[in-house]
Amino acid sequence: MELRVLGARIQSLRAERGLTLQELADRSAVSVSMLSSVERGAKAPTVVVLDRIAVGLGLRLAQLVDDPEDGRIVLRRADEQDLVHEPGGWQRTILTPVVPGVNFEWIRSTLPPGCDAGSFGAYASGSHVFVAMEEGLLALTVGDRVLELTPGDSVYFAADVSHGYANPGRVQCRYSVAALIMRRRQLPASPGVMVKSEMQ
């Protein structure tokens, strides 16, 4: 981080807390003149001084020097996407970047003709799934209902019920799933039925 940027960040954090230079100096055991020079970007503070300033602001050192914009934009290039080959010949591509604390995934799946991708267990109330069809025919099971989707169709369902995906057609099926999952409910699988999670 550039000295001017670091200084402006310290000054902003001090102002947010309603602290004068003298008050931050007292809290951090760093002189007023040093603090003033750091805030103006006129002097490069040592790690020890930065750590003291962080303590005075009620922060960890890493929180003080990390770029506040880090994590607001997470880029995942095409060649970094995870392509997972599943039993039965179907595959899924995880399109979304990994963002800590955000339980959202956008997945593109391709099922060969006649393939059943299995059953996914119910999630906690407040979980949501959106499905958008791109190619072929998809039999989407939600609880006791079976919906047939064709290209261009889309559907939303509350994901607090078991659900499954199958391709009953004669050509491959491709669809995307956008899932916001609060947490997974552990349910016993029925005999011969594979229960899993979109988030795995």
C-alpha atoms as a PDB file:
ATOM      1  CA  MET A   1       0.000   0.000   0.000  1.00  0.00           C
ATOM      2  CA  GLU A   2       1.368   3.437  -0.940  1.00  0.00           C
ATOM      3  CA  LEU A   3       2.263   5.761   1.946  1.00  0.00           C
ATOM      4  CA  ARG A   4      -0.365   8.317   0.938  1.00  0.00           C
ATOM      5  CA  VAL A   5      -3.056   5.648   0.706  1.00  0.00           C
ATOM      6  CA  LEU A   6      -2.017   4.135   4.042  1.00  0.00           C
ATOM      7  CA  GLY A   7      -1.991   7.564   5.682  1.00  0.00           C
ATOM      8  CA  ALA A   8      -5.421   8.441   4.319  1.00  0.00           C
ATOM      9  CA  ARG A   9      -6.759   5.082   5.564  1.00  0.00           C
ATOM     10  CA  ILE A  10      -5.419   5.690   9.083  1.00  0.00           C
ATOM     11  CA  GLN A  11      -6.833   9.218   9.107  1.00  0.00           C
ATOM     12  CA  SER A  12     -10.235   7.926   7.924  1.00  0.00           C
ATOM     13  CA  LEU A  13     -10.303   5.188  10.563  1.00  0.00           C
ATOM     14  CA  ARG A  14      -9.350   7.698  13.252  1.00  0.00           C
ATOM     15  CA  ALA A  15     -12.114  10.070  12.124  1.00  0.00           C
ATOM     16  CA  GLU A  16     -14.674   7.240  12.099  1.00  0.00           C
ATOM     17  CA  ARG A  17     -13.854   6.617  15.760  1.00  0.00           C
ATOM     18  CA  GLY A  18     -14.048  10.303  16.650  1.00  0.00           C
ATOM     19  CA  LEU A  19     -10.428  10.368  17.835  1.00  0.00           C
ATOM     20  CA  THR A  20      -8.101  13.362  17.754  1.00  0.00           C
ATOM     21  CA  LEU A  21      -4.429  12.880  16.912  1.00  0.00           C
ATOM     22  CA  GLN A  22      -3.611  13.280  20.604  1.00  0.00           C
ATOM     23  CA  GLU A  23      -6.181  10.672  21.642  1.00  0.00           C
ATOM     24  CA  LEU A  24      -4.868   8.138  19.114  1.00  0.00           C
ATOM     25  CA  ALA A  25      -1.323   8.952  20.211  1.00  0.00           C
ATOM     26  CA  ASP A  26      -2.281   8.189  23.816  1.00  0.00           C
ATOM     27  CA  ARG A  27      -3.974   4.934  22.845  1.00  0.00           C
ATOM     28  CA  SER A  28      -1.194   3.722  20.574  1.00  0.00           C
ATOM     29  CA  ALA A  29       1.916   5.014  22.379  1.00  0.00           C
ATOM     30  CA  VAL A  30       2.984   6.697  19.136  1.00  0.00           C
ATOM     31  CA  SER A  31       3.889  10.397  19.193  1.00  0.00           C
ATOM     32  CA  VAL A  32       1.551  12.991  17.687  1.00  0.00           C
ATOM     33  CA  SER A  33       4.270  14.134  15.311  1.00  0.00           C
ATOM     34  CA  MET A  34       4.820  10.574  14.042  1.00  0.00           C
ATOM     35  CA  LEU A  35       1.084  10.026  13.596  1.00  0.00           C
ATOM     36  CA  SER A  36       0.737  13.297  11.715  1.00  0.00           C
ATOM     37  CA  SER A  37       3.638  12.387   9.409  1.00  0.00           C
ATOM     38  CA  VAL A  38       2.183   8.926   8.737  1.00  0.00           C
ATOM     39  CA  GLU A  39      -1.268  10.302   7.979  1.00  0.00           C
ATOM     40  CA  ARG A  40       0.213  12.784   5.519  1.00  0.00           C
ATOM     41  CA  GLY A  41       2.223  10.044   3.849  1.00  0.00           C
ATOM     42  CA  ALA A  42       5.410  11.908   4.692  1.00  0.00           C
ATOM     43  CA  LYS A  43       7.053   9.129   6.687  1.00  0.00           C
ATOM     44  CA  ALA A  44       7.195   5.344   6.324  1.00  0.00           C
ATOM     45  CA  PRO A  45       6.254   3.769   9.666  1.00  0.00           C
ATOM     46  CA  THR A  46       7.954   0.630  10.926  1.00  0.00           C
ATOM     47  CA  VAL A  47       5.941  -2.547  11.491  1.00  0.00           C
ATOM     48  CA  VAL A  48       6.127  -1.906  15.236  1.00  0.00           C
ATOM     49  CA  VAL A  49       4.663   1.588  14.824  1.00  0.00           C
ATOM     50  CA  LEU A  50       1.939   0.300  12.504  1.00  0.00           C
ATOM     51  CA  ASP A  51       1.054  -2.414  14.987  1.00  0.00           C
ATOM     52  CA  ARG A  52       0.747   0.189  17.760  1.00  0.00           C
ATOM     53  CA  ILE A  53      -1.475   2.372  15.583  1.00  0.00           C
ATOM     54  CA  ALA A  54      -3.644  -0.650  14.766  1.00  0.00           C
ATOM     55  CA  VAL A  55      -4.027  -1.418  18.484  1.00  0.00           C
ATOM     56  CA  GLY A  56      -4.937   2.208  19.136  1.00  0.00           C
ATOM     57  CA  LEU A  57      -7.653   1.942  16.496  1.00  0.00           C
ATOM     58  CA  GLY A  58      -8.901  -1.370  17.898  1.00  0.00           C
ATOM     59  CA  LEU A  59      -7.735  -3.349  14.873  1.00  0.00           C
ATOM     60  CA  ARG A  60      -5.297  -6.109  14.043  1.00  0.00           C
ATOM     61  CA  LEU A  61      -2.277  -5.094  11.989  1.00  0.00           C
ATOM     62  CA  ALA A  62      -3.541  -7.100   8.991  1.00  0.00           C
ATOM     63  CA  GLN A  63      -6.853  -5.215   9.078  1.00  0.00           C
ATOM     64  CA  LEU A  64      -5.027  -1.917   9.013  1.00  0.00           C
ATOM     65  CA  VAL A  65      -2.756  -2.632   6.056  1.00  0.00           C
ATOM     66  CA  ASP A  66      -5.060  -4.816   3.933  1.00  0.00           C
ATOM     67  CA  ASP A  67      -6.566  -3.075   0.937  1.00  0.00           C
ATOM     68  CA  PRO A  68     -10.251  -2.556   1.830  1.00  0.00           C
ATOM     69  CA  GLU A  69     -11.136  -3.235  -1.818  1.00  0.00           C
ATOM     70  CA  ASP A  70      -9.608  -6.734  -1.685  1.00  0.00           C
ATOM     71  CA  GLY A  71     -12.371  -9.313  -1.817  1.00  0.00           C
ATOM     72  CA  ARG A  72     -14.955  -6.961  -3.328  1.00  0.00           C
ATOM     73  CA  ILE A  73     -14.071  -8.266  -6.777  1.00  0.00           C
ATOM     74  CA  VAL A  74     -13.062 -11.910  -7.223  1.00  0.00           C
ATOM     75  CA  LEU A  75     -12.157 -12.933 -10.772  1.00  0.00           C
ATOM     76  CA  ARG A  76     -12.155 -16.548 -11.914  1.00  0.00           C
ATOM     77  CA  ARG A  77     -10.779 -17.131 -15.399  1.00  0.00           C
ATOM     78  CA  ALA A  78     -12.237 -19.798 -17.679  1.00  0.00           C
ATOM     79  CA  ASP A  79      -9.200 -22.048 -17.260  1.00  0.00           C
ATOM     80  CA  GLU A  80      -9.558 -21.858 -13.455  1.00  0.00           C
ATOM     81  CA  GLN A  81     -13.103 -23.245 -13.364  1.00  0.00           C
ATOM     82  CA  ASP A  82     -13.513 -26.669 -11.796  1.00  0.00           C
ATOM     83  CA  LEU A  83     -14.783 -29.346 -14.193  1.00  0.00           C
ATOM     84  CA  VAL A  84     -16.083 -32.336 -12.235  1.00  0.00           C
ATOM     85  CA  HIS A  85     -16.793 -35.677 -13.911  1.00  0.00           C
ATOM     86  CA  GLU A  86     -19.511 -37.516 -12.017  1.00  0.00           C
ATOM     87  CA  PRO A  87     -20.474 -41.211 -12.035  1.00  0.00           C
ATOM     88  CA  GLY A  88     -22.905 -42.008 -14.855  1.00  0.00           C
ATOM     89  CA  GLY A  89     -21.095 -39.870 -17.408  1.00  0.00           C
ATOM     90  CA  TRP A  90     -22.413 -36.448 -16.466  1.00  0.00           C
ATOM     91  CA  GLN A  91     -20.256 -33.457 -15.711  1.00  0.00           C
ATOM     92  CA  ARG A  92     -20.593 -30.140 -13.995  1.00  0.00           C
ATOM     93  CA  THR A  93     -18.575 -26.943 -14.199  1.00  0.00           C
ATOM     94  CA  ILE A  94     -18.441 -24.704 -11.135  1.00  0.00           C
ATOM     95  CA  LEU A  95     -18.569 -21.221 -12.626  1.00  0.00           C
ATOM     96  CA  THR A  96     -18.554 -19.088  -9.494  1.00  0.00           C
ATOM     97  CA  PRO A  97     -15.395 -17.862  -7.773  1.00  0.00           C
ATOM     98  CA  VAL A  98     -14.950 -19.004  -4.186  1.00  0.00           C
ATOM     99  CA  VAL A  99     -15.931 -16.195  -1.804  1.00  0.00           C
ATOM    100  CA  PRO A 100     -15.495 -17.009   1.898  1.00  0.00           C
ATOM    101  CA  GLY A 101     -18.724 -16.743   3.839  1.00  0.00           C
ATOM    102  CA  VAL A 102     -20.922 -16.635   0.716  1.00  0.00           C
ATOM    103  CA  ASN A 103     -22.831 -19.881   0.204  1.00  0.00           C
ATOM    104  CA  PHE A 104     -23.715 -19.239  -3.429  1.00  0.00           C
ATOM    105  CA  GLU A 105     -22.768 -21.352  -6.428  1.00  0.00           C
ATOM    106  CA  TRP A 106     -23.526 -21.193 -10.104  1.00  0.00           C
ATOM    107  CA  ILE A 107     -23.020 -24.539 -11.795  1.00  0.00           C
ATOM    108  CA  ARG A 108     -23.422 -25.685 -15.411  1.00  0.00           C
ATOM    109  CA  SER A 109     -24.239 -29.371 -15.773  1.00  0.00           C
ATOM    110  CA  THR A 110     -24.284 -31.617 -18.831  1.00  0.00           C
ATOM    111  CA  LEU A 111     -26.143 -34.946 -18.711  1.00  0.00           C
ATOM    112  CA  PRO A 112     -25.769 -37.551 -21.471  1.00  0.00           C
ATOM    113  CA  PRO A 113     -28.933 -39.175 -22.870  1.00  0.00           C
ATOM    114  CA  GLY A 114     -30.784 -41.281 -20.296  1.00  0.00           C
ATOM    115  CA  CYS A 115     -28.606 -40.112 -17.392  1.00  0.00           C
ATOM    116  CA  ASP A 116     -30.011 -39.656 -13.889  1.00  0.00           C
ATOM    117  CA  ALA A 117     -27.816 -37.326 -11.807  1.00  0.00           C
ATOM    118  CA  GLY A 118     -29.338 -38.633  -8.586  1.00  0.00           C
ATOM    119  CA  SER A 119     -31.066 -36.973  -5.662  1.00  0.00           C
ATOM    120  CA  PHE A 120     -29.974 -33.936  -3.675  1.00  0.00           C
ATOM    121  CA  GLY A 121     -31.018 -33.644  -0.031  1.00  0.00           C
ATOM    122  CA  ALA A 122     -33.173 -30.901   1.424  1.00  0.00           C
ATOM    123  CA  TYR A 123     -31.516 -27.794   2.814  1.00  0.00           C
ATOM    124  CA  ALA A 124     -32.495 -25.474   5.631  1.00  0.00           C
ATOM    125  CA  SER A 125     -35.395 -23.103   5.185  1.00  0.00           C
ATOM    126  CA  GLY A 126     -34.255 -19.968   3.371  1.00  0.00           C
ATOM    127  CA  SER A 127     -32.218 -21.843   0.749  1.00  0.00           C
ATOM    128  CA  HIS A 128     -32.994 -21.087  -2.899  1.00  0.00           C
ATOM    129  CA  VAL A 129     -32.311 -22.752  -6.251  1.00  0.00           C
ATOM    130  CA  PHE A 130     -32.796 -21.370  -9.760  1.00  0.00           C
ATOM    131  CA  VAL A 131     -32.496 -23.615 -12.825  1.00  0.00           C
ATOM    132  CA  ALA A 132     -32.117 -22.369 -16.408  1.00  0.00           C
ATOM    133  CA  MET A 133     -32.298 -24.772 -19.376  1.00  0.00           C
ATOM    134  CA  GLU A 134     -29.887 -24.447 -22.272  1.00  0.00           C
ATOM    135  CA  GLU A 135     -30.145 -27.657 -24.297  1.00  0.00           C
ATOM    136  CA  GLY A 136     -32.093 -30.922 -24.432  1.00  0.00           C
ATOM    137  CA  LEU A 137     -34.762 -32.138 -22.003  1.00  0.00           C
ATOM    138  CA  LEU A 138     -34.523 -32.097 -18.206  1.00  0.00           C
ATOM    139  CA  ALA A 139     -36.777 -33.897 -15.739  1.00  0.00           C
ATOM    140  CA  LEU A 140     -36.509 -31.875 -12.536  1.00  0.00           C
ATOM    141  CA  THR A 141     -37.912 -33.524  -9.420  1.00  0.00           C
ATOM    142  CA  VAL A 142     -38.830 -31.214  -6.541  1.00  0.00           C
ATOM    143  CA  GLY A 143     -40.325 -33.108  -3.631  1.00  0.00           C
ATOM    144  CA  ASP A 144     -43.164 -35.143  -5.165  1.00  0.00           C
ATOM    145  CA  ARG A 145     -43.421 -33.073  -8.352  1.00  0.00           C
ATOM    146  CA  VAL A 146     -41.664 -33.713 -11.646  1.00  0.00           C
ATOM    147  CA  LEU A 147     -41.221 -30.802 -14.052  1.00  0.00           C
ATOM    148  CA  GLU A 148     -40.066 -31.210 -17.669  1.00  0.00           C
ATOM    149  CA  LEU A 149     -37.884 -28.342 -18.830  1.00  0.00           C
ATOM    150  CA  THR A 150     -36.854 -27.538 -22.394  1.00  0.00           C
ATOM    151  CA  PRO A 151     -34.401 -24.931 -23.767  1.00  0.00           C
ATOM    152  CA  GLY A 152     -35.211 -21.416 -22.567  1.00  0.00           C
ATOM    153  CA  ASP A 153     -37.252 -22.588 -19.571  1.00  0.00           C
ATOM    154  CA  SER A 154     -36.288 -21.495 -16.089  1.00  0.00           C
ATOM    155  CA  VAL A 155     -37.632 -22.354 -12.658  1.00  0.00           C
ATOM    156  CA  TYR A 156     -37.172 -21.351  -9.042  1.00  0.00           C
ATOM    157  CA  PHE A 157     -37.819 -23.567  -6.037  1.00  0.00           C
ATOM    158  CA  ALA A 158     -37.306 -23.320  -2.302  1.00  0.00           C
ATOM    159  CA  ALA A 159     -34.556 -25.848  -1.602  1.00  0.00           C
ATOM    160  CA  ASP A 160     -35.894 -27.141   1.705  1.00  0.00           C
ATOM    161  CA  VAL A 161     -37.095 -30.300  -0.075  1.00  0.00           C
ATOM    162  CA  SER A 162     -35.187 -33.118  -1.776  1.00  0.00           C
ATOM    163  CA  HIS A 163     -34.715 -32.609  -5.506  1.00  0.00           C
ATOM    164  CA  GLY A 164     -33.126 -34.344  -8.473  1.00  0.00           C
ATOM    165  CA  TYR A 165     -32.101 -33.954 -12.099  1.00  0.00           C
ATOM    166  CA  ALA A 166     -32.439 -36.484 -14.943  1.00  0.00           C
ATOM    167  CA  ASN A 167     -32.212 -36.486 -18.728  1.00  0.00           C
ATOM    168  CA  PRO A 168     -34.968 -38.676 -20.195  1.00  0.00           C
ATOM    169  CA  GLY A 169     -34.191 -37.546 -23.740  1.00  0.00           C
ATOM    170  CA  ARG A 170     -32.138 -38.962 -26.593  1.00  0.00           C
ATOM    171  CA  VAL A 171     -29.672 -36.052 -26.794  1.00  0.00           C
ATOM    172  CA  GLN A 172     -27.488 -34.465 -24.148  1.00  0.00           C
ATOM    173  CA  CYS A 173     -29.037 -32.042 -21.693  1.00  0.00           C
ATOM    174  CA  ARG A 174     -27.324 -28.884 -20.465  1.00  0.00           C
ATOM    175  CA  TYR A 175     -28.614 -26.592 -17.751  1.00  0.00           C
ATOM    176  CA  SER A 176     -27.363 -24.110 -15.151  1.00  0.00           C
ATOM    177  CA  VAL A 177     -28.126 -24.107 -11.442  1.00  0.00           C
ATOM    178  CA  ALA A 178     -27.764 -21.010  -9.258  1.00  0.00           C
ATOM    179  CA  ALA A 179     -27.981 -22.047  -5.613  1.00  0.00           C
ATOM    180  CA  LEU A 180     -27.994 -19.997  -2.416  1.00  0.00           C
ATOM    181  CA  ILE A 181     -27.689 -22.579   0.343  1.00  0.00           C
ATOM    182  CA  MET A 182     -28.010 -21.633   3.999  1.00  0.00           C
ATOM    183  CA  ARG A 183     -26.683 -24.969   5.254  1.00  0.00           C
ATOM    184  CA  ARG A 184     -27.067 -28.603   4.372  1.00  0.00           C
ATOM    185  CA  ARG A 185     -29.508 -30.869   6.149  1.00  0.00           C
ATOM    186  CA  GLN A 186     -28.174 -34.351   6.674  1.00  0.00           C
ATOM    187  CA  LEU A 187     -30.860 -36.786   5.520  1.00  0.00           C
ATOM    188  CA  PRO A 188     -30.618 -40.558   5.283  1.00  0.00           C
ATOM    189  CA  ALA A 189     -30.514 -41.747   1.695  1.00  0.00           C
ATOM    190  CA  SER A 190     -33.174 -44.133   0.441  1.00  0.00           C
ATOM    191  CA  PRO A 191     -31.866 -47.530  -0.692  1.00  0.00           C
ATOM    192  CA  GLY A 192     -30.194 -47.171  -4.062  1.00  0.00           C
ATOM    193  CA  VAL A 193     -30.582 -43.381  -4.091  1.00  0.00           C
ATOM    194  CA  MET A 194     -27.539 -41.121  -3.998  1.00  0.00           C
ATOM    195  CA  VAL A 195     -28.099 -38.044  -1.830  1.00  0.00           C
ATOM    196  CA  LYS A 196     -25.631 -35.204  -2.252  1.00  0.00           C
ATOM    197  CA  SER A 197     -25.231 -31.474  -2.303  1.00  0.00           C
ATOM    198  CA  GLU A 198     -24.889 -28.996  -5.164  1.00  0.00           C
ATOM    199  CA  MET A 199     -22.254 -27.247  -3.068  1.00  0.00           C
ATOM    200  CA  GLN A 200     -19.866 -30.205  -3.078  1.00  0.00           C
END
